[in-house]
Amino acid sequence: MELSTPLQYAGDPRAAADEAAALEAAGLDAIWVAEAYGFDSPTIMGYLAARTERLRIGSAVLNVYSRTPALIAQTAAGLDALTGGRALLGIGASGPQVVEGWHGRRYDKPLGRTRETIELARRIWRREVIEHHGITDMPLPPEKGGTLGKPLKLLTRPVRDTIPVYVAALGPVNVRMTAELADGWLPFLYVPEHAAKIWGEPLAEGTALRDPALGPLSVVAGGLLAIGEGAEAVRDLMRPVMALYVGGMGAPGRNFYYDLVCSYGYEAEAAAVQEHYLAGRKREAESAVPAELCELVCLAGPEGYVRERVEAFREAGVTMLNVTPVGPEPARLVERVKSWL
């Protein structure tokens, strides 16, 4: 099992990138750069490319609404060139809160857009002449307002003609498509004890349709990491995160994170979190997040306990443990966990 971390984008991205270089020296294999409605991910990934030598650098995630498939493919190819072949392309449909609330785009055809982006990106990296008519038209035909556009291929030659594509997916249909088409899967709020029950069937169905040339699906999941006496308190840091996603990342009936927590068996708790959060009672929403769920999505506690959590993620099929070190010496934490893998 490999080890990765999400870049913390709430603070100074230069400081976070400098810390990433120290984590690379400690044995970290990859870093994932979020975007949501914060700083754009590609700019920070480019800075990371200059600050690191071995670390793989991935987007987690670029949504498939605010950029065209061609631009997503260009971005990944450019990052791959800057890093000498260390790019990982993480994409996803995101959700209505980001797509409609921030980008002002209609949240429609999420699976079709994701599938089309994967297929077009791979064709673009192979430098095929692209003529495609679907959700995206390339080139735009005259009946849709096109003028003199003709089919083109990528002007520059990529370092690699295939770049690993990871998809952020939670719902069964999206997970099935991910298992069929993607190189890797980026689930969120992943509880290893419930993974087989929630996603086992769609993963198996997608794998049955998978091109053997892709190899096995990589699974990237984990949580907050803290080891030692009193480390259990770190689990409470998940409360505002869960309150935001379960309560605020979508309206009632259109919140994938809410649906996931309900599928874990916390229906009443999820309803309370959402009710409080949408009413502006964020403190109450955080308090309503169940302590057991905070524990299950984290790796925080005495060393023996954390080692058991690592094995739980491994046994659930996680191939890249994605941790957020909490404490004064994050590199030491990374080095310690890496020695167990």
C-alpha atoms as a PDB file:
ATOM      1  CA  MET A   1       0.000   0.000   0.000  1.00  0.00           C
ATOM      2  CA  GLU A   2       1.274   3.462  -0.937  1.00  0.00           C
ATOM      3  CA  LEU A   3       0.949   6.640   1.129  1.00  0.00           C
ATOM      4  CA  SER A   4      -0.426  10.015   0.065  1.00  0.00           C
ATOM      5  CA  THR A   5      -1.787  13.198   1.607  1.00  0.00           C
ATOM      6  CA  PRO A   6      -4.273  15.899   0.568  1.00  0.00           C
ATOM      7  CA  LEU A   7      -2.766  19.394   0.347  1.00  0.00           C
ATOM      8  CA  GLN A   8      -4.421  21.665   2.888  1.00  0.00           C
ATOM      9  CA  TYR A   9      -5.773  24.479   0.723  1.00  0.00           C
ATOM     10  CA  ALA A  10      -7.335  26.635   3.427  1.00  0.00           C
ATOM     11  CA  GLY A  11      -4.061  28.344   4.355  1.00  0.00           C
ATOM     12  CA  ASP A  12      -0.976  29.625   2.554  1.00  0.00           C
ATOM     13  CA  PRO A  13      -0.455  27.312  -0.446  1.00  0.00           C
ATOM     14  CA  ARG A  14       3.263  28.129  -0.635  1.00  0.00           C
ATOM     15  CA  ALA A  15       3.794  27.037   2.956  1.00  0.00           C
ATOM     16  CA  ALA A  16       1.763  23.880   2.339  1.00  0.00           C
ATOM     17  CA  ALA A  17       3.807  23.107  -0.762  1.00  0.00           C
ATOM     18  CA  ASP A  18       7.051  23.646   1.134  1.00  0.00           C
ATOM     19  CA  GLU A  19       5.810  21.182   3.745  1.00  0.00           C
ATOM     20  CA  ALA A  20       5.044  18.728   0.935  1.00  0.00           C
ATOM     21  CA  ALA A  21       8.728  18.700   0.031  1.00  0.00           C
ATOM     22  CA  ALA A  22       9.543  17.606   3.592  1.00  0.00           C
ATOM     23  CA  LEU A  23       6.901  14.880   3.405  1.00  0.00           C
ATOM     24  CA  GLU A  24       8.431  13.675   0.145  1.00  0.00           C
ATOM     25  CA  ALA A  25      11.740  13.202   1.952  1.00  0.00           C
ATOM     26  CA  ALA A  26       9.875  11.226   4.637  1.00  0.00           C
ATOM     27  CA  GLY A  27       8.627   8.735   2.057  1.00  0.00           C
ATOM     28  CA  LEU A  28       5.298  10.147   0.880  1.00  0.00           C
ATOM     29  CA  ASP A  29       4.324   8.739  -2.535  1.00  0.00           C
ATOM     30  CA  ALA A  30       1.730  11.241  -3.771  1.00  0.00           C
ATOM     31  CA  ILE A  31      -0.057  14.473  -2.917  1.00  0.00           C
ATOM     32  CA  TRP A  32      -3.590  15.458  -3.925  1.00  0.00           C
ATOM     33  CA  VAL A  33      -4.598  19.089  -4.487  1.00  0.00           C
ATOM     34  CA  ALA A  34      -8.210  20.044  -3.882  1.00  0.00           C
ATOM     35  CA  GLU A  35      -9.983  22.940  -5.556  1.00  0.00           C
ATOM     36  CA  ALA A  36     -13.703  23.170  -4.669  1.00  0.00           C
ATOM     37  CA  TYR A  37     -14.258  26.955  -4.551  1.00  0.00           C
ATOM     38  CA  GLY A  38     -10.807  27.816  -3.191  1.00  0.00           C
ATOM     39  CA  PHE A  39      -7.626  28.474  -5.164  1.00  0.00           C
ATOM     40  CA  ASP A  40      -7.462  26.698  -8.506  1.00  0.00           C
ATOM     41  CA  SER A  41      -5.710  23.347  -8.341  1.00  0.00           C
ATOM     42  CA  PRO A  42      -3.445  23.495 -11.459  1.00  0.00           C
ATOM     43  CA  THR A  43      -1.577  26.618 -10.313  1.00  0.00           C
ATOM     44  CA  ILE A  44      -0.654  25.002  -7.015  1.00  0.00           C
ATOM     45  CA  MET A  45       0.220  21.711  -8.719  1.00  0.00           C
ATOM     46  CA  GLY A  46       2.640  23.584 -10.976  1.00  0.00           C
ATOM     47  CA  TYR A  47       4.340  25.090  -7.934  1.00  0.00           C
ATOM     48  CA  LEU A  48       4.534  21.643  -6.356  1.00  0.00           C
ATOM     49  CA  ALA A  49       6.166  20.335  -9.511  1.00  0.00           C
ATOM     50  CA  ALA A  50       9.010  22.805  -9.015  1.00  0.00           C
ATOM     51  CA  ARG A  51       9.357  22.044  -5.292  1.00  0.00           C
ATOM     52  CA  THR A  52       9.483  18.234  -5.518  1.00  0.00           C
ATOM     53  CA  GLU A  53      11.439  15.590  -7.381  1.00  0.00           C
ATOM     54  CA  ARG A  54       9.796  12.208  -6.828  1.00  0.00           C
ATOM     55  CA  LEU A  55       6.320  12.895  -5.468  1.00  0.00           C
ATOM     56  CA  ARG A  56       3.379  12.189  -7.758  1.00  0.00           C
ATOM     57  CA  ILE A  57       1.032  15.168  -7.937  1.00  0.00           C
ATOM     58  CA  GLY A  58      -2.686  14.788  -8.458  1.00  0.00           C
ATOM     59  CA  SER A  59      -5.807  16.913  -8.701  1.00  0.00           C
ATOM     60  CA  ALA A  60      -8.547  15.901  -6.285  1.00  0.00           C
ATOM     61  CA  VAL A  61     -10.556  16.987  -8.070  1.00  0.00           C
ATOM     62  CA  LEU A  62     -11.069  18.997 -11.235  1.00  0.00           C
ATOM     63  CA  ASN A  63     -14.808  19.102 -11.844  1.00  0.00           C
ATOM     64  CA  VAL A  64     -16.029  18.225 -15.338  1.00  0.00           C
ATOM     65  CA  TYR A  65     -18.270  21.302 -15.695  1.00  0.00           C
ATOM     66  CA  SER A  66     -16.022  24.361 -15.304  1.00  0.00           C
ATOM     67  CA  ARG A  67     -13.404  23.130 -17.819  1.00  0.00           C
ATOM     68  CA  THR A  68     -13.861  21.464 -21.188  1.00  0.00           C
ATOM     69  CA  PRO A  69     -12.536  17.918 -21.666  1.00  0.00           C
ATOM     70  CA  ALA A  70      -9.847  19.365 -23.946  1.00  0.00           C
ATOM     71  CA  LEU A  71      -8.658  21.834 -21.300  1.00  0.00           C
ATOM     72  CA  ILE A  72      -8.608  19.128 -18.633  1.00  0.00           C
ATOM     73  CA  ALA A  73      -6.472  16.967 -20.934  1.00  0.00           C
ATOM     74  CA  GLN A  74      -4.150  19.899 -21.715  1.00  0.00           C
ATOM     75  CA  THR A  75      -3.765  20.693 -18.021  1.00  0.00           C
ATOM     76  CA  ALA A  76      -2.848  17.114 -17.150  1.00  0.00           C
ATOM     77  CA  ALA A  77      -0.404  16.889 -20.061  1.00  0.00           C
ATOM     78  CA  GLY A  78       1.257  20.149 -19.038  1.00  0.00           C
ATOM     79  CA  LEU A  79       1.640  19.014 -15.438  1.00  0.00           C
ATOM     80  CA  ASP A  80       2.999  15.678 -16.628  1.00  0.00           C
ATOM     81  CA  ALA A  81       5.621  17.495 -18.703  1.00  0.00           C
ATOM     82  CA  LEU A  82       6.658  19.742 -15.791  1.00  0.00           C
ATOM     83  CA  THR A  83       7.013  16.768 -13.439  1.00  0.00           C
ATOM     84  CA  GLY A  84       8.648  14.363 -15.864  1.00  0.00           C
ATOM     85  CA  GLY A  85       5.728  11.947 -15.796  1.00  0.00           C
ATOM     86  CA  ARG A  86       4.465  12.327 -12.212  1.00  0.00           C
ATOM     87  CA  ALA A  87       0.954  13.641 -12.882  1.00  0.00           C
ATOM     88  CA  LEU A  88      -2.256  12.058 -11.626  1.00  0.00           C
ATOM     89  CA  LEU A  89      -5.524  13.414 -13.010  1.00  0.00           C
ATOM     90  CA  GLY A  90      -8.324  13.349 -10.471  1.00  0.00           C
ATOM     91  CA  ILE A  91     -11.705  14.394 -11.865  1.00  0.00           C
ATOM     92  CA  GLY A  92     -15.284  14.273 -10.720  1.00  0.00           C
ATOM     93  CA  ALA A  93     -18.757  15.652 -11.120  1.00  0.00           C
ATOM     94  CA  SER A  94     -18.487  17.500  -7.793  1.00  0.00           C
ATOM     95  CA  GLY A  95     -22.002  18.529  -6.754  1.00  0.00           C
ATOM     96  CA  PRO A  96     -24.699  21.150  -7.293  1.00  0.00           C
ATOM     97  CA  GLN A  97     -23.360  23.392  -4.513  1.00  0.00           C
ATOM     98  CA  VAL A  98     -20.041  23.932  -6.326  1.00  0.00           C
ATOM     99  CA  VAL A  99     -21.165  23.587  -9.942  1.00  0.00           C
ATOM    100  CA  GLU A 100     -24.311  25.708  -9.729  1.00  0.00           C
ATOM    101  CA  GLY A 101     -23.557  27.793  -6.660  1.00  0.00           C
ATOM    102  CA  TRP A 102     -20.002  28.765  -7.598  1.00  0.00           C
ATOM    103  CA  HIS A 103     -19.488  28.190 -11.320  1.00  0.00           C
ATOM    104  CA  GLY A 104     -23.026  29.043 -12.387  1.00  0.00           C
ATOM    105  CA  ARG A 105     -23.299  25.963 -14.575  1.00  0.00           C
ATOM    106  CA  ARG A 106     -26.328  23.683 -14.691  1.00  0.00           C
ATOM    107  CA  TYR A 107     -25.642  20.400 -12.908  1.00  0.00           C
ATOM    108  CA  ASP A 108     -26.748  17.935 -15.566  1.00  0.00           C
ATOM    109  CA  LYS A 109     -25.523  14.626 -17.012  1.00  0.00           C
ATOM    110  CA  PRO A 110     -22.778  14.107 -14.398  1.00  0.00           C
ATOM    111  CA  LEU A 111     -21.972  10.532 -15.413  1.00  0.00           C
ATOM    112  CA  GLY A 112     -22.062  11.258 -19.123  1.00  0.00           C
ATOM    113  CA  ARG A 113     -19.743  14.234 -18.690  1.00  0.00           C
ATOM    114  CA  THR A 114     -17.298  12.213 -16.609  1.00  0.00           C
ATOM    115  CA  ARG A 115     -17.245   9.311 -19.048  1.00  0.00           C
ATOM    116  CA  GLU A 116     -16.813  11.646 -22.011  1.00  0.00           C
ATOM    117  CA  THR A 117     -13.963  13.519 -20.297  1.00  0.00           C
ATOM    118  CA  ILE A 118     -12.067  10.284 -19.598  1.00  0.00           C
ATOM    119  CA  GLU A 119     -12.468   9.010 -23.138  1.00  0.00           C
ATOM    120  CA  LEU A 120     -11.575  12.319 -24.804  1.00  0.00           C
ATOM    121  CA  ALA A 121      -8.571  12.954 -22.544  1.00  0.00           C
ATOM    122  CA  ARG A 122      -7.075   9.588 -23.415  1.00  0.00           C
ATOM    123  CA  ARG A 123      -7.582  10.225 -27.131  1.00  0.00           C
ATOM    124  CA  ILE A 124      -6.040  13.692 -26.816  1.00  0.00           C
ATOM    125  CA  TRP A 125      -2.939  12.333 -25.016  1.00  0.00           C
ATOM    126  CA  ARG A 126      -2.516   9.860 -27.901  1.00  0.00           C
ATOM    127  CA  ARG A 127      -2.580  12.918 -30.174  1.00  0.00           C
ATOM    128  CA  GLU A 128      -5.521  11.688 -32.189  1.00  0.00           C
ATOM    129  CA  VAL A 129      -7.337  14.132 -34.448  1.00  0.00           C
ATOM    130  CA  ILE A 130     -10.452  14.767 -32.370  1.00  0.00           C
ATOM    131  CA  GLU A 131     -13.846  14.714 -33.972  1.00  0.00           C
ATOM    132  CA  HIS A 132     -16.489  14.015 -31.379  1.00  0.00           C
ATOM    133  CA  HIS A 133     -20.182  14.753 -31.017  1.00  0.00           C
ATOM    134  CA  GLY A 134     -21.808  14.193 -27.649  1.00  0.00           C
ATOM    135  CA  ILE A 135     -22.282  16.404 -24.617  1.00  0.00           C
ATOM    136  CA  THR A 136     -19.216  18.216 -25.961  1.00  0.00           C
ATOM    137  CA  ASP A 137     -18.944  18.821 -29.702  1.00  0.00           C
ATOM    138  CA  MET A 138     -15.449  18.964 -31.212  1.00  0.00           C
ATOM    139  CA  PRO A 139     -15.441  20.866 -33.488  1.00  0.00           C
ATOM    140  CA  LEU A 140     -18.632  22.809 -32.907  1.00  0.00           C
ATOM    141  CA  PRO A 141     -20.975  22.155 -35.870  1.00  0.00           C
ATOM    142  CA  PRO A 142     -22.590  25.030 -37.826  1.00  0.00           C
ATOM    143  CA  GLU A 143     -26.067  24.141 -36.562  1.00  0.00           C
ATOM    144  CA  LYS A 144     -24.834  24.884 -33.029  1.00  0.00           C
ATOM    145  CA  GLY A 145     -23.120  28.146 -33.929  1.00  0.00           C
ATOM    146  CA  GLY A 146     -19.792  26.820 -35.224  1.00  0.00           C
ATOM    147  CA  THR A 147     -18.035  28.612 -38.087  1.00  0.00           C
ATOM    148  CA  LEU A 148     -14.672  27.495 -39.453  1.00  0.00           C
ATOM    149  CA  GLY A 149     -13.565  25.056 -36.766  1.00  0.00           C
ATOM    150  CA  LYS A 150     -11.930  21.871 -38.039  1.00  0.00           C
ATOM    151  CA  PRO A 151     -10.825  18.745 -36.178  1.00  0.00           C
ATOM    152  CA  LEU A 152      -7.487  19.214 -34.389  1.00  0.00           C
ATOM    153  CA  LYS A 153      -5.011  17.210 -32.381  1.00  0.00           C
ATOM    154  CA  LEU A 154      -2.923  18.266 -29.387  1.00  0.00           C
ATOM    155  CA  LEU A 155      -0.269  20.683 -30.632  1.00  0.00           C
ATOM    156  CA  THR A 156       2.451  19.602 -28.190  1.00  0.00           C
ATOM    157  CA  ARG A 157       3.712  16.077 -27.631  1.00  0.00           C
ATOM    158  CA  PRO A 158       2.927  14.731 -24.131  1.00  0.00           C
ATOM    159  CA  VAL A 159       5.581  13.090 -21.980  1.00  0.00           C
ATOM    160  CA  ARG A 160       3.243  10.097 -21.666  1.00  0.00           C
ATOM    161  CA  ASP A 161       0.458   9.098 -23.994  1.00  0.00           C
ATOM    162  CA  THR A 162      -1.509   7.851 -21.003  1.00  0.00           C
ATOM    163  CA  ILE A 163      -1.870   9.610 -17.642  1.00  0.00           C
ATOM    164  CA  PRO A 164      -3.573   7.853 -14.709  1.00  0.00           C
ATOM    165  CA  VAL A 165      -7.165   9.044 -14.319  1.00  0.00           C
ATOM    166  CA  TYR A 166      -8.803   8.907 -10.894  1.00  0.00           C
ATOM    167  CA  VAL A 167     -12.507   9.571 -10.391  1.00  0.00           C
ATOM    168  CA  ALA A 168     -14.195  10.906  -7.259  1.00  0.00           C
ATOM    169  CA  ALA A 169     -17.371   8.861  -6.950  1.00  0.00           C
ATOM    170  CA  LEU A 170     -19.817   7.869  -4.209  1.00  0.00           C
ATOM    171  CA  GLY A 171     -23.098   6.761  -5.809  1.00  0.00           C
ATOM    172  CA  PRO A 172     -23.402   3.184  -7.111  1.00  0.00           C
ATOM    173  CA  VAL A 173     -23.787   4.082 -10.783  1.00  0.00           C
ATOM    174  CA  ASN A 174     -20.808   6.440 -10.691  1.00  0.00           C
ATOM    175  CA  VAL A 175     -18.703   3.882  -8.789  1.00  0.00           C
ATOM    176  CA  ARG A 176     -19.627   1.225 -11.370  1.00  0.00           C
ATOM    177  CA  MET A 177     -18.459   3.501 -14.184  1.00  0.00           C
ATOM    178  CA  THR A 178     -15.273   4.308 -12.268  1.00  0.00           C
ATOM    179  CA  ALA A 179     -14.449   0.621 -11.847  1.00  0.00           C
ATOM    180  CA  GLU A 180     -15.024   0.140 -15.567  1.00  0.00           C
ATOM    181  CA  LEU A 181     -13.065   3.084 -16.972  1.00  0.00           C
ATOM    182  CA  ALA A 182     -10.737   4.764 -14.489  1.00  0.00           C
ATOM    183  CA  ASP A 183      -7.248   3.955 -13.268  1.00  0.00           C
ATOM    184  CA  GLY A 184      -8.228   4.836  -9.712  1.00  0.00           C
ATOM    185  CA  TRP A 185     -11.086   5.721  -7.395  1.00  0.00           C
ATOM    186  CA  LEU A 186     -11.231   8.645  -4.930  1.00  0.00           C
ATOM    187  CA  PRO A 187     -14.016   8.003  -2.399  1.00  0.00           C
ATOM    188  CA  PHE A 188     -14.642  10.493   0.427  1.00  0.00           C
ATOM    189  CA  LEU A 189     -15.687   9.861   4.042  1.00  0.00           C
ATOM    190  CA  TYR A 190     -14.659   6.247   3.446  1.00  0.00           C
ATOM    191  CA  VAL A 191     -15.396   3.774   6.247  1.00  0.00           C
ATOM    192  CA  PRO A 192     -13.563   0.507   5.493  1.00  0.00           C
ATOM    193  CA  GLU A 193     -15.935  -1.571   7.633  1.00  0.00           C
ATOM    194  CA  HIS A 194     -18.877  -0.547   5.424  1.00  0.00           C
ATOM    195  CA  ALA A 195     -17.116  -0.484   2.041  1.00  0.00           C
ATOM    196  CA  ALA A 196     -18.107  -3.949   0.832  1.00  0.00           C
ATOM    197  CA  LYS A 197     -21.755  -3.416   1.799  1.00  0.00           C
ATOM    198  CA  ILE A 198     -22.015  -0.005   0.123  1.00  0.00           C
ATOM    199  CA  TRP A 199     -19.792  -0.383  -2.930  1.00  0.00           C
ATOM    200  CA  GLY A 200     -18.981  -4.082  -3.353  1.00  0.00           C
ATOM    201  CA  GLU A 201     -21.646  -4.779  -5.964  1.00  0.00           C
ATOM    202  CA  PRO A 202     -21.061  -1.743  -8.230  1.00  0.00           C
ATOM    203  CA  LEU A 203     -17.295  -2.275  -8.031  1.00  0.00           C
ATOM    204  CA  ALA A 204     -17.719  -5.901  -9.110  1.00  0.00           C
ATOM    205  CA  GLU A 205     -20.094  -4.968 -11.935  1.00  0.00           C
ATOM    206  CA  GLY A 206     -17.745  -2.286 -13.255  1.00  0.00           C
ATOM    207  CA  THR A 207     -14.698  -4.528 -12.963  1.00  0.00           C
ATOM    208  CA  ALA A 208     -16.447  -7.147 -15.104  1.00  0.00           C
ATOM    209  CA  LEU A 209     -16.569  -4.581 -17.948  1.00  0.00           C
ATOM    210  CA  ARG A 210     -13.038  -3.292 -17.375  1.00  0.00           C
ATOM    211  CA  ASP A 211     -10.340  -3.401 -20.056  1.00  0.00           C
ATOM    212  CA  PRO A 212      -7.633  -5.731 -18.659  1.00  0.00           C
ATOM    213  CA  ALA A 213      -4.992  -3.361 -20.067  1.00  0.00           C
ATOM    214  CA  LEU A 214      -5.938  -0.848 -17.364  1.00  0.00           C
ATOM    215  CA  GLY A 215      -4.787  -3.184 -14.606  1.00  0.00           C
ATOM    216  CA  PRO A 216      -6.446  -3.333 -11.170  1.00  0.00           C
ATOM    217  CA  LEU A 217      -8.345  -0.291  -9.902  1.00  0.00           C
ATOM    218  CA  SER A 218      -6.360   1.807  -7.431  1.00  0.00           C
ATOM    219  CA  VAL A 219      -8.362   2.919  -4.374  1.00  0.00           C
ATOM    220  CA  VAL A 220      -7.304   6.088  -2.513  1.00  0.00           C
ATOM    221  CA  ALA A 221      -8.828   6.614   0.934  1.00  0.00           C
ATOM    222  CA  GLY A 222      -7.897   7.475   4.511  1.00  0.00           C
ATOM    223  CA  GLY A 223      -8.332  10.295   7.000  1.00  0.00           C
ATOM    224  CA  LEU A 224      -6.805  12.371   9.758  1.00  0.00           C
ATOM    225  CA  LEU A 225      -3.649  10.803  11.199  1.00  0.00           C
ATOM    226  CA  ALA A 226      -2.456  11.210  14.793  1.00  0.00           C
ATOM    227  CA  ILE A 227      -0.520   8.755  16.954  1.00  0.00           C
ATOM    228  CA  GLY A 228       0.036   8.776  20.703  1.00  0.00           C
ATOM    229  CA  GLU A 229      -1.488   9.632  24.034  1.00  0.00           C
ATOM    230  CA  GLY A 230      -4.512  11.863  23.645  1.00  0.00           C
ATOM    231  CA  ALA A 231      -4.554  11.467  19.852  1.00  0.00           C
ATOM    232  CA  GLU A 232      -8.200  10.403  20.019  1.00  0.00           C
ATOM    233  CA  ALA A 233      -9.101  14.092  20.463  1.00  0.00           C
ATOM    234  CA  VAL A 234      -8.020  14.722  16.869  1.00  0.00           C
ATOM    235  CA  ARG A 235     -11.118  12.875  15.673  1.00  0.00           C
ATOM    236  CA  ASP A 236     -13.226  15.880  16.683  1.00  0.00           C
ATOM    237  CA  LEU A 237     -11.495  17.886  13.956  1.00  0.00           C
ATOM    238  CA  MET A 238     -13.677  15.929  11.521  1.00  0.00           C
ATOM    239  CA  ARG A 239     -16.852  17.420  12.974  1.00  0.00           C
ATOM    240  CA  PRO A 240     -16.787  20.744  11.053  1.00  0.00           C
ATOM    241  CA  VAL A 241     -15.768  18.911   7.869  1.00  0.00           C
ATOM    242  CA  MET A 242     -18.619  16.432   8.132  1.00  0.00           C
ATOM    243  CA  ALA A 243     -21.077  19.134   9.116  1.00  0.00           C
ATOM    244  CA  LEU A 244     -20.119  21.101   5.999  1.00  0.00           C
ATOM    245  CA  TYR A 245     -20.409  18.178   3.602  1.00  0.00           C
ATOM    246  CA  VAL A 246     -23.353  16.315   5.110  1.00  0.00           C
ATOM    247  CA  GLY A 247     -25.222  19.486   5.990  1.00  0.00           C
ATOM    248  CA  GLY A 248     -24.253  22.038   3.386  1.00  0.00           C
ATOM    249  CA  MET A 249     -22.891  20.478   0.210  1.00  0.00           C
ATOM    250  CA  GLY A 250     -26.232  20.345  -1.554  1.00  0.00           C
ATOM    251  CA  ALA A 251     -29.893  20.943  -0.871  1.00  0.00           C
ATOM    252  CA  PRO A 252     -32.090  18.308   0.785  1.00  0.00           C
ATOM    253  CA  GLY A 253     -32.507  15.468  -1.678  1.00  0.00           C
ATOM    254  CA  ARG A 254     -29.385  16.473  -3.648  1.00  0.00           C
ATOM    255  CA  ASN A 255     -26.549  15.838  -1.223  1.00  0.00           C
ATOM    256  CA  PHE A 256     -24.394  12.776  -1.975  1.00  0.00           C
ATOM    257  CA  TYR A 257     -22.516  12.977   1.337  1.00  0.00           C
ATOM    258  CA  TYR A 258     -25.773  13.004   3.286  1.00  0.00           C
ATOM    259  CA  ASP A 259     -26.911   9.927   1.347  1.00  0.00           C
ATOM    260  CA  LEU A 260     -23.613   8.163   2.078  1.00  0.00           C
ATOM    261  CA  VAL A 261     -23.781   8.770   5.830  1.00  0.00           C
ATOM    262  CA  CYS A 262     -27.374   7.504   5.808  1.00  0.00           C
ATOM    263  CA  SER A 263     -26.240   4.340   4.028  1.00  0.00           C
ATOM    264  CA  TYR A 264     -23.733   3.813   6.842  1.00  0.00           C
ATOM    265  CA  GLY A 265     -26.686   3.620   9.243  1.00  0.00           C
ATOM    266  CA  TYR A 266     -26.715   7.166  10.630  1.00  0.00           C
ATOM    267  CA  GLU A 267     -30.002   8.379   9.148  1.00  0.00           C
ATOM    268  CA  ALA A 268     -31.247  10.252  12.212  1.00  0.00           C
ATOM    269  CA  GLU A 269     -27.871  11.844  12.853  1.00  0.00           C
ATOM    270  CA  ALA A 270     -27.498  12.933   9.217  1.00  0.00           C
ATOM    271  CA  ALA A 271     -30.962  14.505   9.293  1.00  0.00           C
ATOM    272  CA  ALA A 272     -30.061  16.434  12.451  1.00  0.00           C
ATOM    273  CA  VAL A 273     -26.762  17.639  10.972  1.00  0.00           C
ATOM    274  CA  GLN A 274     -28.482  18.827   7.803  1.00  0.00           C
ATOM    275  CA  GLU A 275     -31.345  20.529   9.646  1.00  0.00           C
ATOM    276  CA  HIS A 276     -29.000  22.455  11.928  1.00  0.00           C
ATOM    277  CA  TYR A 277     -26.557  23.376   9.191  1.00  0.00           C
ATOM    278  CA  LEU A 278     -29.141  24.687   6.741  1.00  0.00           C
ATOM    279  CA  ALA A 279     -30.692  26.732   9.545  1.00  0.00           C
ATOM    280  CA  GLY A 280     -27.323  28.370  10.196  1.00  0.00           C
ATOM    281  CA  ARG A 281     -26.666  26.504  13.443  1.00  0.00           C
ATOM    282  CA  LYS A 282     -23.208  25.255  12.560  1.00  0.00           C
ATOM    283  CA  ARG A 283     -22.123  24.514  16.141  1.00  0.00           C
ATOM    284  CA  GLU A 284     -25.185  22.350  16.684  1.00  0.00           C
ATOM    285  CA  ALA A 285     -24.575  20.632  13.339  1.00  0.00           C
ATOM    286  CA  GLU A 286     -21.036  19.758  14.388  1.00  0.00           C
ATOM    287  CA  SER A 287     -22.253  18.416  17.727  1.00  0.00           C
ATOM    288  CA  ALA A 288     -24.776  16.199  15.927  1.00  0.00           C
ATOM    289  CA  VAL A 289     -22.036  14.374  13.981  1.00  0.00           C
ATOM    290  CA  PRO A 290     -21.755  10.936  15.632  1.00  0.00           C
ATOM    291  CA  ALA A 291     -18.487  10.282  17.465  1.00  0.00           C
ATOM    292  CA  GLU A 292     -18.365   6.737  16.123  1.00  0.00           C
ATOM    293  CA  LEU A 293     -18.347   7.999  12.543  1.00  0.00           C
ATOM    294  CA  CYS A 294     -15.537  10.447  13.327  1.00  0.00           C
ATOM    295  CA  GLU A 295     -13.536   7.550  14.725  1.00  0.00           C
ATOM    296  CA  LEU A 296     -14.134   5.278  11.731  1.00  0.00           C
ATOM    297  CA  VAL A 297     -13.001   7.800   9.110  1.00  0.00           C
ATOM    298  CA  CYS A 298      -9.831   8.707  11.034  1.00  0.00           C
ATOM    299  CA  LEU A 299      -6.572   7.006  12.001  1.00  0.00           C
ATOM    300  CA  ALA A 300      -6.101   8.609  15.402  1.00  0.00           C
ATOM    301  CA  GLY A 301      -5.141   6.983  18.689  1.00  0.00           C
ATOM    302  CA  PRO A 302      -2.362   4.906  20.265  1.00  0.00           C
ATOM    303  CA  GLU A 303       0.097   3.274  17.878  1.00  0.00           C
ATOM    304  CA  GLY A 304      -1.405  -0.203  18.144  1.00  0.00           C
ATOM    305  CA  TYR A 305      -4.871   1.151  17.396  1.00  0.00           C
ATOM    306  CA  VAL A 306      -3.674   3.176  14.390  1.00  0.00           C
ATOM    307  CA  ARG A 307      -1.884   0.130  12.997  1.00  0.00           C
ATOM    308  CA  GLU A 308      -5.177  -1.752  13.247  1.00  0.00           C
ATOM    309  CA  ARG A 309      -6.919   1.045  11.344  1.00  0.00           C
ATOM    310  CA  VAL A 310      -4.266   0.913   8.621  1.00  0.00           C
ATOM    311  CA  GLU A 311      -4.894  -2.819   8.250  1.00  0.00           C
ATOM    312  CA  ALA A 312      -8.653  -2.229   8.115  1.00  0.00           C
ATOM    313  CA  PHE A 313      -8.182   0.121   5.161  1.00  0.00           C
ATOM    314  CA  ARG A 314      -5.817  -2.355   3.505  1.00  0.00           C
ATOM    315  CA  GLU A 315      -8.238  -5.279   3.955  1.00  0.00           C
ATOM    316  CA  ALA A 316     -11.057  -3.181   2.475  1.00  0.00           C
ATOM    317  CA  GLY A 317      -9.049  -2.835  -0.749  1.00  0.00           C
ATOM    318  CA  VAL A 318      -7.381   0.551  -0.289  1.00  0.00           C
ATOM    319  CA  THR A 319      -4.149   0.639  -2.299  1.00  0.00           C
ATOM    320  CA  MET A 320      -3.096   4.209  -1.441  1.00  0.00           C
ATOM    321  CA  LEU A 321      -3.659   5.347   2.130  1.00  0.00           C
ATOM    322  CA  ASN A 322      -4.483   9.056   2.012  1.00  0.00           C
ATOM    323  CA  VAL A 323      -3.726  10.646   5.395  1.00  0.00           C
ATOM    324  CA  THR A 324      -3.674  14.150   6.829  1.00  0.00           C
ATOM    325  CA  PRO A 325      -0.970  14.247   9.533  1.00  0.00           C
ATOM    326  CA  VAL A 326      -2.024  16.280  12.584  1.00  0.00           C
ATOM    327  CA  GLY A 327       0.646  17.471  15.004  1.00  0.00           C
ATOM    328  CA  PRO A 328       3.887  19.422  15.211  1.00  0.00           C
ATOM    329  CA  GLU A 329       5.956  16.907  13.218  1.00  0.00           C
ATOM    330  CA  PRO A 330       3.952  15.708  10.199  1.00  0.00           C
ATOM    331  CA  ALA A 331       7.037  14.300   8.458  1.00  0.00           C
ATOM    332  CA  ARG A 332       7.731  12.061  11.451  1.00  0.00           C
ATOM    333  CA  LEU A 333       4.161  10.737  11.289  1.00  0.00           C
ATOM    334  CA  VAL A 334       4.469  10.015   7.578  1.00  0.00           C
ATOM    335  CA  GLU A 335       7.800   8.274   8.080  1.00  0.00           C
ATOM    336  CA  ARG A 336       6.344   6.166  10.863  1.00  0.00           C
ATOM    337  CA  VAL A 337       3.289   4.999   8.911  1.00  0.00           C
ATOM    338  CA  LYS A 338       5.328   4.431   5.764  1.00  0.00           C
ATOM    339  CA  SER A 339       7.506   1.968   7.696  1.00  0.00           C
ATOM    340  CA  TRP A 340       4.382  -0.149   8.376  1.00  0.00           C
ATOM    341  CA  LEU A 341       3.403  -0.442   4.735  1.00  0.00           C
END
